[in-house]
Amino acid sequence: MSRPPTERTLPLREANQSFARIVREVEAGAAFTITRNGAPVARLVPVAGAPRRLTPEQEAALARTRARMAAGWPLAAGPLDRDAIHER
């Protein structure tokens, strides 16, 4: 069985110590294989059909992207005018 690209492997101890963070990442679409002494013992994956929730970092990135989109591009922006875009 192949793993989705967002799946990570972590030891049981780390999963136990960071459980709340890991569940937030699973809500955002990540999947984890949990190991004990290097052997896989469990997988933590999102529930199929459950609405996807973004992590706070993803929410912040989305807000920055929406702000940039709302600002728009200057009409005269061309390959040589990129510095003017970043000066705003």
C-alpha atoms as a PDB file:
ATOM      1  CA  MET A   1       0.000   0.000   0.000  1.00  0.00           C
ATOM      2  CA  SER A   2       1.479   3.383  -0.980  1.00  0.00           C
ATOM      3  CA  ARG A   3       1.388   6.333   1.382  1.00  0.00           C
ATOM      4  CA  PRO A   4       0.035   9.775   0.491  1.00  0.00           C
ATOM      5  CA  PRO A   5       2.810  12.370   0.095  1.00  0.00           C
ATOM      6  CA  THR A   6       1.843  14.105   3.363  1.00  0.00           C
ATOM      7  CA  GLU A   7       2.245  10.964   5.482  1.00  0.00           C
ATOM      8  CA  ARG A   8       5.012  11.003   8.072  1.00  0.00           C
ATOM      9  CA  THR A   9       6.380   8.367  10.417  1.00  0.00           C
ATOM     10  CA  LEU A  10       6.953   9.128  14.068  1.00  0.00           C
ATOM     11  CA  PRO A  11       7.722   7.138  17.204  1.00  0.00           C
ATOM     12  CA  LEU A  12       5.005   6.457  19.758  1.00  0.00           C
ATOM     13  CA  ARG A  13       6.726   8.626  22.362  1.00  0.00           C
ATOM     14  CA  GLU A  14       6.680  11.693  20.107  1.00  0.00           C
ATOM     15  CA  ALA A  15       3.073  11.004  19.117  1.00  0.00           C
ATOM     16  CA  ASN A  16       2.111  10.799  22.774  1.00  0.00           C
ATOM     17  CA  GLN A  17       3.922  14.018  23.698  1.00  0.00           C
ATOM     18  CA  SER A  18       2.544  15.996  20.731  1.00  0.00           C
ATOM     19  CA  PHE A  19      -0.889  14.437  20.347  1.00  0.00           C
ATOM     20  CA  ALA A  20      -2.908  17.688  20.138  1.00  0.00           C
ATOM     21  CA  ARG A  21      -0.593  19.146  17.472  1.00  0.00           C
ATOM     22  CA  ILE A  22      -0.687  15.905  15.495  1.00  0.00           C
ATOM     23  CA  VAL A  23      -4.495  15.792  15.572  1.00  0.00           C
ATOM     24  CA  ARG A  24      -4.581  19.393  14.248  1.00  0.00           C
ATOM     25  CA  GLU A  25      -2.284  18.337  11.399  1.00  0.00           C
ATOM     26  CA  VAL A  26      -4.524  15.339  10.650  1.00  0.00           C
ATOM     27  CA  GLU A  27      -7.540  17.667  10.563  1.00  0.00           C
ATOM     28  CA  ALA A  28      -5.600  19.685   7.978  1.00  0.00           C
ATOM     29  CA  GLY A  29      -5.067  16.579   5.821  1.00  0.00           C
ATOM     30  CA  ALA A  30      -1.803  15.033   7.069  1.00  0.00           C
ATOM     31  CA  ALA A  31      -1.422  11.339   7.873  1.00  0.00           C
ATOM     32  CA  PHE A  32       0.948   9.644  10.316  1.00  0.00           C
ATOM     33  CA  THR A  33       2.323   6.149  10.810  1.00  0.00           C
ATOM     34  CA  ILE A  34       3.133   5.603  14.478  1.00  0.00           C
ATOM     35  CA  THR A  35       5.939   3.197  15.335  1.00  0.00           C
ATOM     36  CA  ARG A  36       7.031   1.347  18.463  1.00  0.00           C
ATOM     37  CA  ASN A  37      10.681   0.251  18.495  1.00  0.00           C
ATOM     38  CA  GLY A  38      10.840   1.063  14.775  1.00  0.00           C
ATOM     39  CA  ALA A  39       7.923  -1.183  13.781  1.00  0.00           C
ATOM     40  CA  PRO A  40       4.665   0.402  12.512  1.00  0.00           C
ATOM     41  CA  VAL A  41       1.793  -0.146  14.953  1.00  0.00           C
ATOM     42  CA  ALA A  42      -0.867   2.407  13.938  1.00  0.00           C
ATOM     43  CA  ARG A  43      -1.894   4.973  11.343  1.00  0.00           C
ATOM     44  CA  LEU A  44      -3.584   8.256  12.119  1.00  0.00           C
ATOM     45  CA  VAL A  45      -5.449   9.537   9.046  1.00  0.00           C
ATOM     46  CA  PRO A  46      -8.259  12.034   8.384  1.00  0.00           C
ATOM     47  CA  VAL A  47     -11.810  10.696   8.332  1.00  0.00           C
ATOM     48  CA  ALA A  48     -13.043  10.415   4.748  1.00  0.00           C
ATOM     49  CA  GLY A  49     -15.620  13.074   3.949  1.00  0.00           C
ATOM     50  CA  ALA A  50     -14.846  15.165   7.038  1.00  0.00           C
ATOM     51  CA  PRO A  51     -14.474  18.877   6.339  1.00  0.00           C
ATOM     52  CA  ARG A  52     -10.835  19.905   6.139  1.00  0.00           C
ATOM     53  CA  ARG A  53      -9.625  22.372   8.761  1.00  0.00           C
ATOM     54  CA  LEU A  54      -6.596  24.537   8.245  1.00  0.00           C
ATOM     55  CA  THR A  55      -3.798  24.833  10.778  1.00  0.00           C
ATOM     56  CA  PRO A  56      -3.124  28.325  12.185  1.00  0.00           C
ATOM     57  CA  GLU A  57      -0.069  28.571   9.905  1.00  0.00           C
ATOM     58  CA  GLN A  58      -2.188  27.668   6.882  1.00  0.00           C
ATOM     59  CA  GLU A  59      -4.869  30.180   7.931  1.00  0.00           C
ATOM     60  CA  ALA A  60      -2.206  32.922   8.172  1.00  0.00           C
ATOM     61  CA  ALA A  61      -0.790  32.029   4.754  1.00  0.00           C
ATOM     62  CA  LEU A  62      -4.284  32.067   3.247  1.00  0.00           C
ATOM     63  CA  ALA A  63      -4.985  35.489   4.793  1.00  0.00           C
ATOM     64  CA  ARG A  64      -1.707  36.869   3.353  1.00  0.00           C
ATOM     65  CA  THR A  65      -2.558  35.464  -0.073  1.00  0.00           C
ATOM     66  CA  ARG A  66      -6.067  36.916  -0.016  1.00  0.00           C
ATOM     67  CA  ALA A  67      -4.660  40.329   1.012  1.00  0.00           C
ATOM     68  CA  ARG A  68      -2.188  40.254  -1.893  1.00  0.00           C
ATOM     69  CA  MET A  69      -4.960  39.241  -4.268  1.00  0.00           C
ATOM     70  CA  ALA A  70      -7.208  42.061  -3.031  1.00  0.00           C
ATOM     71  CA  ALA A  71      -4.407  44.592  -3.583  1.00  0.00           C
ATOM     72  CA  GLY A  72      -4.089  43.460  -7.195  1.00  0.00           C
ATOM     73  CA  TRP A  73      -1.269  44.058  -9.654  1.00  0.00           C
ATOM     74  CA  PRO A  74      -0.417  47.485 -11.074  1.00  0.00           C
ATOM     75  CA  LEU A  75      -1.561  47.713 -14.699  1.00  0.00           C
ATOM     76  CA  ALA A  76       1.932  48.654 -15.941  1.00  0.00           C
ATOM     77  CA  ALA A  77       3.633  45.784 -14.139  1.00  0.00           C
ATOM     78  CA  GLY A  78       5.988  44.002 -16.466  1.00  0.00           C
ATOM     79  CA  PRO A  79       9.198  42.036 -16.060  1.00  0.00           C
ATOM     80  CA  LEU A  80      11.149  45.209 -15.180  1.00  0.00           C
ATOM     81  CA  ASP A  81       8.498  46.629 -12.829  1.00  0.00           C
ATOM     82  CA  ARG A  82       8.551  43.878 -10.196  1.00  0.00           C
ATOM     83  CA  ASP A  83      10.446  46.049  -7.702  1.00  0.00           C
ATOM     84  CA  ALA A  84       7.603  48.570  -7.793  1.00  0.00           C
ATOM     85  CA  ILE A  85       5.161  45.830  -6.747  1.00  0.00           C
ATOM     86  CA  HIS A  86       7.163  45.004  -3.615  1.00  0.00           C
ATOM     87  CA  GLU A  87       7.538  48.675  -2.614  1.00  0.00           C
ATOM     88  CA  ARG A  88       3.850  49.024  -1.772  1.00  0.00           C
END
